[in-house]
N, C-alpha and C. Protein backbone atom coordinates (compact mmCIF):
# COMPACT_ATOMS: atom_id res chain seq x y z
N UNK A 1 107.04 59.07 -51.21
CA UNK A 1 106.83 60.37 -51.82
C UNK A 1 105.33 60.58 -52.01
N UNK A 2 104.83 61.74 -51.64
CA UNK A 2 103.41 62.03 -51.80
C UNK A 2 103.06 62.16 -53.28
N UNK A 3 101.79 62.02 -53.58
CA UNK A 3 101.35 62.15 -54.97
C UNK A 3 101.69 63.52 -55.51
N UNK A 4 101.46 64.58 -54.73
CA UNK A 4 101.77 65.94 -55.18
C UNK A 4 103.26 66.09 -55.49
N UNK A 5 104.11 65.60 -54.60
CA UNK A 5 105.56 65.70 -54.83
C UNK A 5 105.97 64.89 -56.05
N UNK A 6 105.31 63.75 -56.24
CA UNK A 6 105.63 62.91 -57.40
C UNK A 6 105.32 63.64 -58.71
N UNK A 7 104.13 64.22 -58.81
CA UNK A 7 103.74 64.83 -60.09
C UNK A 7 104.36 66.20 -60.33
N UNK A 8 104.95 66.81 -59.28
CA UNK A 8 105.59 68.13 -59.47
C UNK A 8 107.11 68.06 -59.30
N UNK A 9 107.69 66.87 -59.28
CA UNK A 9 109.12 66.74 -59.00
C UNK A 9 110.03 67.36 -60.06
N UNK A 10 109.51 67.67 -61.23
CA UNK A 10 110.33 68.26 -62.30
C UNK A 10 110.11 69.75 -62.46
N UNK A 11 109.21 70.34 -61.69
CA UNK A 11 108.83 71.73 -61.89
C UNK A 11 109.97 72.70 -61.65
N UNK A 12 110.79 72.44 -60.66
CA UNK A 12 111.90 73.36 -60.36
C UNK A 12 112.84 73.47 -61.56
N UNK A 13 113.17 72.34 -62.17
CA UNK A 13 114.06 72.35 -63.34
C UNK A 13 113.42 72.98 -64.56
N UNK A 14 112.09 73.01 -64.63
CA UNK A 14 111.39 73.60 -65.76
C UNK A 14 110.84 74.99 -65.45
N UNK A 15 111.37 75.61 -64.41
CA UNK A 15 110.92 76.96 -64.02
C UNK A 15 111.04 77.91 -65.21
N UNK A 16 109.98 78.66 -65.46
CA UNK A 16 109.98 79.61 -66.56
C UNK A 16 109.66 78.98 -67.91
N UNK A 17 109.42 77.68 -67.94
CA UNK A 17 109.13 76.99 -69.19
C UNK A 17 107.86 76.18 -69.01
N UNK A 18 106.74 76.80 -69.29
CA UNK A 18 105.43 76.22 -69.05
C UNK A 18 105.23 74.90 -69.80
N UNK A 19 105.66 74.84 -71.04
CA UNK A 19 105.47 73.61 -71.83
C UNK A 19 106.17 72.43 -71.16
N UNK A 20 107.37 72.65 -70.66
CA UNK A 20 108.10 71.59 -69.97
C UNK A 20 107.40 71.16 -68.70
N UNK A 21 106.84 72.14 -67.98
CA UNK A 21 106.09 71.80 -66.75
C UNK A 21 104.87 70.95 -67.07
N UNK A 22 104.13 71.34 -68.11
CA UNK A 22 102.93 70.60 -68.48
C UNK A 22 103.29 69.19 -68.92
N UNK A 23 104.30 69.07 -69.76
CA UNK A 23 104.71 67.75 -70.25
C UNK A 23 105.14 66.84 -69.11
N UNK A 24 106.01 67.34 -68.24
CA UNK A 24 106.48 66.49 -67.14
C UNK A 24 105.38 66.19 -66.14
N UNK A 25 104.48 67.15 -65.91
CA UNK A 25 103.34 66.92 -65.02
C UNK A 25 102.46 65.79 -65.56
N UNK A 26 102.12 65.85 -66.86
CA UNK A 26 101.25 64.83 -67.44
C UNK A 26 101.95 63.46 -67.44
N UNK A 27 103.26 63.45 -67.70
CA UNK A 27 104.01 62.18 -67.66
C UNK A 27 104.01 61.61 -66.25
N UNK A 28 104.31 62.44 -65.25
CA UNK A 28 104.38 61.94 -63.87
C UNK A 28 103.02 61.47 -63.38
N UNK A 29 101.96 62.17 -63.76
CA UNK A 29 100.62 61.74 -63.37
C UNK A 29 100.31 60.38 -63.98
N UNK A 30 100.64 60.21 -65.26
CA UNK A 30 100.40 58.91 -65.91
C UNK A 30 101.27 57.82 -65.28
N UNK A 31 102.49 58.19 -64.86
CA UNK A 31 103.39 57.18 -64.29
C UNK A 31 102.91 56.66 -62.94
N UNK A 32 101.97 57.37 -62.32
CA UNK A 32 101.38 56.86 -61.08
C UNK A 32 100.72 55.50 -61.29
N UNK A 33 100.30 55.23 -62.53
CA UNK A 33 99.65 53.96 -62.84
C UNK A 33 100.59 52.77 -62.66
N UNK A 34 101.88 53.02 -62.60
CA UNK A 34 102.84 51.92 -62.43
C UNK A 34 103.02 51.54 -60.97
N UNK A 35 102.44 52.31 -60.05
CA UNK A 35 102.63 52.05 -58.62
C UNK A 35 101.94 50.79 -58.14
N UNK A 36 100.69 50.58 -58.58
CA UNK A 36 99.97 49.37 -58.20
C UNK A 36 98.76 49.18 -59.11
N UNK A 37 98.12 48.02 -58.99
CA UNK A 37 97.00 47.70 -59.87
C UNK A 37 95.82 48.64 -59.67
N UNK A 38 95.56 49.02 -58.43
CA UNK A 38 94.43 49.92 -58.15
C UNK A 38 94.66 51.27 -58.83
N UNK A 39 95.87 51.79 -58.75
CA UNK A 39 96.18 53.07 -59.40
C UNK A 39 96.01 52.96 -60.91
N UNK A 40 96.41 51.83 -61.48
CA UNK A 40 96.27 51.66 -62.92
C UNK A 40 94.80 51.62 -63.32
N UNK A 41 93.98 50.94 -62.52
CA UNK A 41 92.54 50.88 -62.82
C UNK A 41 91.92 52.28 -62.73
N UNK A 42 92.26 53.00 -61.68
CA UNK A 42 91.72 54.35 -61.50
C UNK A 42 92.17 55.29 -62.62
N UNK A 43 93.42 55.15 -63.04
CA UNK A 43 93.99 56.06 -64.03
C UNK A 43 93.81 55.62 -65.49
N UNK A 44 93.15 54.49 -65.72
CA UNK A 44 93.00 53.99 -67.09
C UNK A 44 92.40 55.03 -68.04
N UNK A 45 91.33 55.75 -67.68
CA UNK A 45 90.83 56.78 -68.60
C UNK A 45 91.88 57.87 -68.88
N UNK A 46 92.61 58.26 -67.83
CA UNK A 46 93.64 59.28 -68.01
C UNK A 46 94.76 58.77 -68.93
N UNK A 47 95.12 57.49 -68.81
CA UNK A 47 96.18 56.93 -69.65
C UNK A 47 95.80 57.02 -71.13
N UNK A 48 94.53 56.81 -71.43
CA UNK A 48 94.06 56.98 -72.81
C UNK A 48 94.19 58.42 -73.27
N UNK A 49 93.81 59.36 -72.40
CA UNK A 49 93.97 60.78 -72.74
C UNK A 49 95.44 61.15 -72.89
N UNK A 50 96.27 60.64 -72.01
CA UNK A 50 97.71 60.90 -72.08
C UNK A 50 98.26 60.43 -73.43
N UNK A 51 97.93 59.19 -73.77
CA UNK A 51 98.42 58.64 -75.03
C UNK A 51 97.93 59.47 -76.22
N UNK A 52 96.66 59.87 -76.20
CA UNK A 52 96.12 60.66 -77.31
C UNK A 52 96.79 62.03 -77.39
N UNK A 53 96.77 62.78 -76.29
CA UNK A 53 97.27 64.16 -76.32
C UNK A 53 98.78 64.24 -76.47
N UNK A 54 99.52 63.50 -75.69
CA UNK A 54 100.98 63.61 -75.71
C UNK A 54 101.55 62.95 -76.97
N UNK A 55 101.11 61.73 -77.27
CA UNK A 55 101.70 61.04 -78.41
C UNK A 55 101.11 61.48 -79.75
N UNK A 56 99.78 61.52 -79.86
CA UNK A 56 99.17 61.79 -81.15
C UNK A 56 99.09 63.28 -81.47
N UNK A 57 98.73 64.09 -80.52
CA UNK A 57 98.58 65.52 -80.79
C UNK A 57 99.93 66.24 -80.75
N UNK A 58 100.71 66.02 -79.69
CA UNK A 58 101.97 66.74 -79.54
C UNK A 58 103.17 66.02 -80.16
N UNK A 59 103.02 64.75 -80.53
CA UNK A 59 104.11 64.03 -81.17
C UNK A 59 105.29 63.73 -80.26
N UNK A 60 105.00 63.44 -78.99
CA UNK A 60 106.02 63.15 -78.00
C UNK A 60 105.75 61.75 -77.44
N UNK A 61 106.70 60.85 -77.60
CA UNK A 61 106.51 59.49 -77.10
C UNK A 61 107.37 59.25 -75.87
N UNK A 62 106.76 59.42 -74.72
CA UNK A 62 107.38 59.05 -73.45
C UNK A 62 106.40 58.12 -72.76
N UNK A 63 106.57 56.80 -72.94
CA UNK A 63 105.63 55.87 -72.30
C UNK A 63 105.61 56.08 -70.79
N UNK A 64 104.43 56.01 -70.21
CA UNK A 64 104.27 56.32 -68.79
C UNK A 64 105.02 55.37 -67.88
N UNK A 65 105.42 54.19 -68.38
CA UNK A 65 106.13 53.24 -67.53
C UNK A 65 107.66 53.30 -67.73
N UNK A 66 108.14 54.33 -68.39
CA UNK A 66 109.58 54.54 -68.54
C UNK A 66 110.15 55.00 -67.20
N UNK A 67 111.32 54.48 -66.84
CA UNK A 67 111.98 54.88 -65.60
C UNK A 67 112.73 56.18 -65.85
N UNK A 68 112.28 57.24 -65.18
CA UNK A 68 112.88 58.57 -65.36
C UNK A 68 113.14 59.17 -63.98
N UNK A 69 114.37 59.59 -63.75
CA UNK A 69 114.74 60.19 -62.47
C UNK A 69 114.16 61.59 -62.30
N UNK A 70 114.27 62.07 -61.09
CA UNK A 70 113.77 63.39 -60.71
C UNK A 70 114.49 64.49 -61.49
N UNK A 71 113.77 65.56 -61.79
CA UNK A 71 114.38 66.72 -62.41
C UNK A 71 114.51 66.66 -63.92
N UNK A 72 113.62 65.92 -64.59
CA UNK A 72 113.63 65.86 -66.05
C UNK A 72 113.29 67.24 -66.61
N UNK A 73 114.07 67.69 -67.59
CA UNK A 73 113.78 68.96 -68.26
C UNK A 73 113.68 68.67 -69.75
N UNK A 74 112.59 69.13 -70.35
CA UNK A 74 112.35 68.90 -71.78
C UNK A 74 112.15 70.24 -72.46
N UNK A 75 113.00 70.54 -73.43
CA UNK A 75 112.81 71.74 -74.25
C UNK A 75 112.07 71.34 -75.52
N UNK A 76 111.00 71.99 -75.80
CA UNK A 76 110.17 71.83 -77.01
C UNK A 76 109.46 70.48 -77.04
N UNK A 77 110.16 69.38 -77.08
CA UNK A 77 109.55 68.06 -76.98
C UNK A 77 109.10 67.45 -78.28
N UNK A 78 108.73 68.25 -79.27
CA UNK A 78 108.20 67.70 -80.52
C UNK A 78 109.17 66.71 -81.13
N UNK A 79 108.66 65.57 -81.54
CA UNK A 79 109.48 64.55 -82.17
C UNK A 79 110.32 63.73 -81.20
N UNK A 80 110.12 63.92 -79.91
CA UNK A 80 110.87 63.17 -78.90
C UNK A 80 110.33 61.75 -78.83
N UNK A 81 111.22 60.75 -78.97
CA UNK A 81 110.81 59.35 -78.93
C UNK A 81 111.70 58.62 -77.94
N UNK A 82 111.09 58.03 -76.91
CA UNK A 82 111.83 57.29 -75.90
C UNK A 82 111.23 55.89 -75.78
N UNK A 83 112.05 54.88 -75.97
CA UNK A 83 111.61 53.51 -75.78
C UNK A 83 111.35 53.29 -74.30
N UNK A 84 110.30 52.58 -73.97
CA UNK A 84 109.93 52.39 -72.57
C UNK A 84 110.97 51.63 -71.75
N UNK A 85 111.90 50.96 -72.41
CA UNK A 85 112.95 50.22 -71.69
C UNK A 85 114.18 51.08 -71.43
N UNK A 86 114.19 52.29 -71.91
CA UNK A 86 115.28 53.22 -71.64
C UNK A 86 115.21 53.64 -70.17
N UNK A 87 116.35 53.83 -69.54
CA UNK A 87 116.41 54.31 -68.16
C UNK A 87 117.08 55.68 -68.19
N UNK A 88 116.43 56.66 -67.58
CA UNK A 88 116.92 58.04 -67.60
C UNK A 88 117.19 58.47 -66.16
N UNK A 89 118.38 58.99 -65.92
CA UNK A 89 118.79 59.40 -64.58
C UNK A 89 118.19 60.73 -64.15
N UNK A 90 118.75 61.29 -63.08
CA UNK A 90 118.26 62.54 -62.51
C UNK A 90 118.80 63.75 -63.28
N UNK A 91 118.00 64.81 -63.32
CA UNK A 91 118.40 66.09 -63.88
C UNK A 91 118.90 65.99 -65.32
N UNK A 92 118.19 65.21 -66.12
CA UNK A 92 118.54 65.06 -67.53
C UNK A 92 117.78 66.10 -68.34
N UNK A 93 118.46 66.69 -69.32
CA UNK A 93 117.85 67.66 -70.22
C UNK A 93 117.72 67.03 -71.60
N UNK A 94 116.50 67.03 -72.13
CA UNK A 94 116.23 66.48 -73.47
C UNK A 94 115.72 67.59 -74.37
N UNK A 95 116.15 67.58 -75.61
CA UNK A 95 115.64 68.54 -76.60
C UNK A 95 114.87 67.80 -77.68
N UNK A 96 114.22 68.57 -78.52
CA UNK A 96 113.30 68.03 -79.54
C UNK A 96 113.98 67.11 -80.56
N UNK A 97 113.14 66.33 -81.18
CA UNK A 97 113.51 65.36 -82.22
C UNK A 97 114.66 64.44 -81.82
N UNK A 98 114.61 63.99 -80.59
CA UNK A 98 115.62 63.08 -80.06
C UNK A 98 115.01 61.68 -79.92
N UNK A 99 115.81 60.67 -80.22
CA UNK A 99 115.38 59.29 -80.08
C UNK A 99 116.29 58.56 -79.12
N UNK A 100 115.70 57.91 -78.13
CA UNK A 100 116.43 57.06 -77.19
C UNK A 100 115.80 55.68 -77.28
N UNK A 101 116.53 54.71 -77.82
CA UNK A 101 115.90 53.40 -77.96
C UNK A 101 116.84 52.32 -78.42
N UNK A 102 116.24 51.24 -78.90
CA UNK A 102 117.00 50.08 -79.32
C UNK A 102 117.38 50.22 -80.79
N UNK A 103 118.33 49.39 -81.21
CA UNK A 103 118.72 49.45 -82.62
C UNK A 103 118.49 48.12 -83.34
N UNK A 104 117.63 47.33 -82.79
CA UNK A 104 117.33 46.03 -83.40
C UNK A 104 115.99 45.55 -82.94
N UNK A 105 115.82 44.25 -82.99
CA UNK A 105 114.55 43.65 -82.60
C UNK A 105 114.42 43.41 -81.11
N UNK A 106 115.53 43.45 -80.38
CA UNK A 106 115.49 43.20 -78.95
C UNK A 106 115.03 44.48 -78.25
N UNK A 107 113.79 44.48 -77.80
CA UNK A 107 113.19 45.70 -77.27
C UNK A 107 113.86 46.20 -76.00
N UNK A 108 114.47 45.31 -75.24
CA UNK A 108 115.06 45.72 -73.98
C UNK A 108 116.49 46.24 -74.12
N UNK A 109 117.06 46.18 -75.30
CA UNK A 109 118.42 46.67 -75.52
C UNK A 109 118.41 48.17 -75.76
N UNK A 110 118.18 48.91 -74.69
CA UNK A 110 118.04 50.36 -74.76
C UNK A 110 119.07 51.05 -73.88
N UNK A 111 119.32 52.32 -74.13
CA UNK A 111 120.35 53.03 -73.36
C UNK A 111 119.97 53.29 -71.91
N UNK A 112 121.02 53.47 -71.12
CA UNK A 112 120.88 53.93 -69.74
C UNK A 112 121.56 55.29 -69.71
N UNK A 113 120.80 56.30 -69.38
CA UNK A 113 121.30 57.68 -69.37
C UNK A 113 121.62 58.04 -67.92
N UNK A 114 122.84 58.49 -67.66
CA UNK A 114 123.26 58.83 -66.30
C UNK A 114 122.63 60.12 -65.81
N UNK A 115 123.09 60.59 -64.67
CA UNK A 115 122.58 61.82 -64.06
C UNK A 115 123.24 63.05 -64.68
N UNK A 116 122.49 64.15 -64.72
CA UNK A 116 122.99 65.46 -65.17
C UNK A 116 123.49 65.44 -66.60
N UNK A 117 122.85 64.68 -67.46
CA UNK A 117 123.24 64.58 -68.87
C UNK A 117 122.42 65.59 -69.68
N UNK A 118 123.08 66.25 -70.62
CA UNK A 118 122.42 67.17 -71.54
C UNK A 118 122.43 66.55 -72.92
N UNK A 119 121.25 66.44 -73.53
CA UNK A 119 121.14 65.81 -74.84
C UNK A 119 120.58 66.85 -75.82
N UNK A 120 121.34 67.12 -76.88
CA UNK A 120 120.97 68.13 -77.86
C UNK A 120 119.83 67.71 -78.76
N UNK A 121 119.43 68.62 -79.63
CA UNK A 121 118.36 68.38 -80.59
C UNK A 121 118.81 67.38 -81.65
N UNK A 122 117.89 66.61 -82.14
CA UNK A 122 118.08 65.66 -83.24
C UNK A 122 119.17 64.62 -82.94
N UNK A 123 119.23 64.17 -81.70
CA UNK A 123 120.20 63.16 -81.28
C UNK A 123 119.54 61.79 -81.31
N UNK A 124 120.29 60.78 -81.74
CA UNK A 124 119.86 59.38 -81.65
C UNK A 124 120.84 58.66 -80.74
N UNK A 125 120.32 58.09 -79.68
CA UNK A 125 121.12 57.25 -78.78
C UNK A 125 120.49 55.87 -78.83
N UNK A 126 121.22 54.94 -79.43
CA UNK A 126 120.63 53.65 -79.75
C UNK A 126 121.45 52.49 -79.20
N UNK A 127 120.75 51.50 -78.68
CA UNK A 127 121.38 50.27 -78.25
C UNK A 127 121.58 50.21 -76.75
N UNK A 128 122.09 49.06 -76.33
CA UNK A 128 122.30 48.81 -74.91
C UNK A 128 123.65 49.41 -74.50
N UNK A 129 123.63 50.73 -74.30
CA UNK A 129 124.84 51.47 -73.95
C UNK A 129 124.55 52.36 -72.75
N UNK A 130 125.62 52.84 -72.14
CA UNK A 130 125.48 53.74 -70.99
C UNK A 130 126.08 55.09 -71.35
N UNK A 131 125.32 56.13 -71.02
CA UNK A 131 125.80 57.50 -71.15
C UNK A 131 126.17 57.93 -69.73
N UNK A 132 127.44 58.22 -69.49
CA UNK A 132 127.93 58.53 -68.16
C UNK A 132 127.40 59.84 -67.60
N UNK A 133 127.47 59.97 -66.29
CA UNK A 133 127.01 61.18 -65.60
C UNK A 133 127.72 62.41 -66.16
N UNK A 134 126.98 63.52 -66.21
CA UNK A 134 127.49 64.83 -66.61
C UNK A 134 127.95 64.91 -68.05
N UNK A 135 127.58 63.96 -68.89
CA UNK A 135 127.96 63.99 -70.30
C UNK A 135 127.11 65.01 -71.06
N UNK A 136 127.64 65.49 -72.16
CA UNK A 136 126.89 66.37 -73.07
C UNK A 136 126.93 65.71 -74.44
N UNK A 137 125.76 65.54 -75.03
CA UNK A 137 125.65 64.96 -76.36
C UNK A 137 125.24 66.10 -77.30
N UNK A 138 126.11 66.45 -78.23
CA UNK A 138 125.87 67.58 -79.13
C UNK A 138 124.74 67.31 -80.11
N UNK A 139 124.14 68.38 -80.59
CA UNK A 139 123.03 68.30 -81.53
C UNK A 139 123.40 67.48 -82.76
N UNK A 140 122.48 66.66 -83.21
CA UNK A 140 122.66 65.87 -84.41
C UNK A 140 123.55 64.65 -84.26
N UNK A 141 123.97 64.34 -83.06
CA UNK A 141 124.87 63.20 -82.85
C UNK A 141 124.12 61.87 -82.93
N UNK A 142 124.81 60.86 -83.40
CA UNK A 142 124.30 59.50 -83.39
C UNK A 142 125.23 58.70 -82.49
N UNK A 143 124.70 58.24 -81.36
CA UNK A 143 125.51 57.57 -80.34
C UNK A 143 125.12 56.10 -80.29
N UNK A 144 126.10 55.23 -80.58
CA UNK A 144 125.86 53.79 -80.53
C UNK A 144 126.89 53.09 -79.65
N UNK A 145 127.78 53.88 -79.03
CA UNK A 145 128.80 53.32 -78.14
C UNK A 145 128.77 54.07 -76.82
N UNK A 146 129.30 53.42 -75.79
CA UNK A 146 129.33 54.01 -74.44
C UNK A 146 129.95 55.41 -74.48
N UNK A 147 129.43 56.28 -73.61
CA UNK A 147 129.99 57.62 -73.44
C UNK A 147 130.41 57.73 -71.98
N UNK A 148 131.70 58.00 -71.72
CA UNK A 148 132.15 58.09 -70.33
C UNK A 148 131.61 59.32 -69.62
N UNK A 149 131.66 59.30 -68.31
CA UNK A 149 131.23 60.45 -67.51
C UNK A 149 132.03 61.68 -67.90
N UNK A 150 131.36 62.83 -67.90
CA UNK A 150 131.96 64.14 -68.15
C UNK A 150 132.43 64.35 -69.59
N UNK A 151 132.12 63.43 -70.50
CA UNK A 151 132.55 63.56 -71.89
C UNK A 151 131.59 64.46 -72.66
N UNK A 152 132.13 65.16 -73.64
CA UNK A 152 131.32 65.92 -74.59
C UNK A 152 131.52 65.24 -75.93
N UNK A 153 130.42 64.77 -76.52
CA UNK A 153 130.50 64.05 -77.79
C UNK A 153 129.67 64.75 -78.85
N UNK A 154 130.15 64.65 -80.09
CA UNK A 154 129.44 65.23 -81.24
C UNK A 154 129.64 64.34 -82.44
N UNK A 155 128.78 64.50 -83.42
CA UNK A 155 128.97 63.88 -84.72
C UNK A 155 128.22 62.60 -84.96
N UNK A 156 128.40 62.11 -86.20
CA UNK A 156 127.80 60.87 -86.66
C UNK A 156 128.87 60.08 -87.38
N UNK A 157 129.43 59.06 -86.74
CA UNK A 157 129.13 58.58 -85.39
C UNK A 157 129.73 59.52 -84.34
N UNK A 158 129.12 59.50 -83.18
CA UNK A 158 129.55 60.40 -82.10
C UNK A 158 130.97 60.07 -81.67
N UNK A 159 131.74 61.12 -81.41
CA UNK A 159 133.11 60.96 -80.94
C UNK A 159 133.35 61.98 -79.83
N UNK A 160 134.23 61.64 -78.92
CA UNK A 160 134.55 62.54 -77.81
C UNK A 160 135.41 63.67 -78.34
N UNK A 161 134.99 64.92 -78.04
CA UNK A 161 135.79 66.07 -78.44
C UNK A 161 136.55 66.68 -77.26
N UNK A 162 136.00 66.52 -76.06
CA UNK A 162 136.71 66.94 -74.85
C UNK A 162 135.94 66.46 -73.64
N UNK A 163 136.49 66.75 -72.49
CA UNK A 163 135.84 66.40 -71.22
C UNK A 163 135.51 67.67 -70.46
N UNK A 164 134.41 67.63 -69.71
CA UNK A 164 134.05 68.74 -68.85
C UNK A 164 135.02 68.80 -67.68
N UNK A 165 135.35 69.99 -67.27
CA UNK A 165 136.29 70.11 -66.14
C UNK A 165 135.53 70.13 -64.84
């Protein structure tokens, strides 16, 4: 994939939403540093700017070395916290004040988010669990157990209310 295609791979999903385009562009540009040592050396000054602007100014924690599939869409973004060991699939939608991470001291025990998943505002997805493809996680949900594909879950603790047809 060319550098241009890499850094603009989320633009189609964020069409009409400039903030989402800027956030995903800056994340993808920073993620180029994970390709090889030379890229990391060249991008080191940018990584510092990324960390300052995205994390400190905008309050969005998406470490540049997080594995994120094509087509990430982020609404608002403020308060978004993603552990770098989380794996995010293709065409995932994230909303503000959401946490994706571990629930203990083991840093690598983080969720795996499937493809085409929609995650509502103020959601916590914690632990070494899998969120199945096409799932919807309702706003304010706390998810600590596996969510099957096509399930719609809500609540604290999250429970399945129905399946997508």
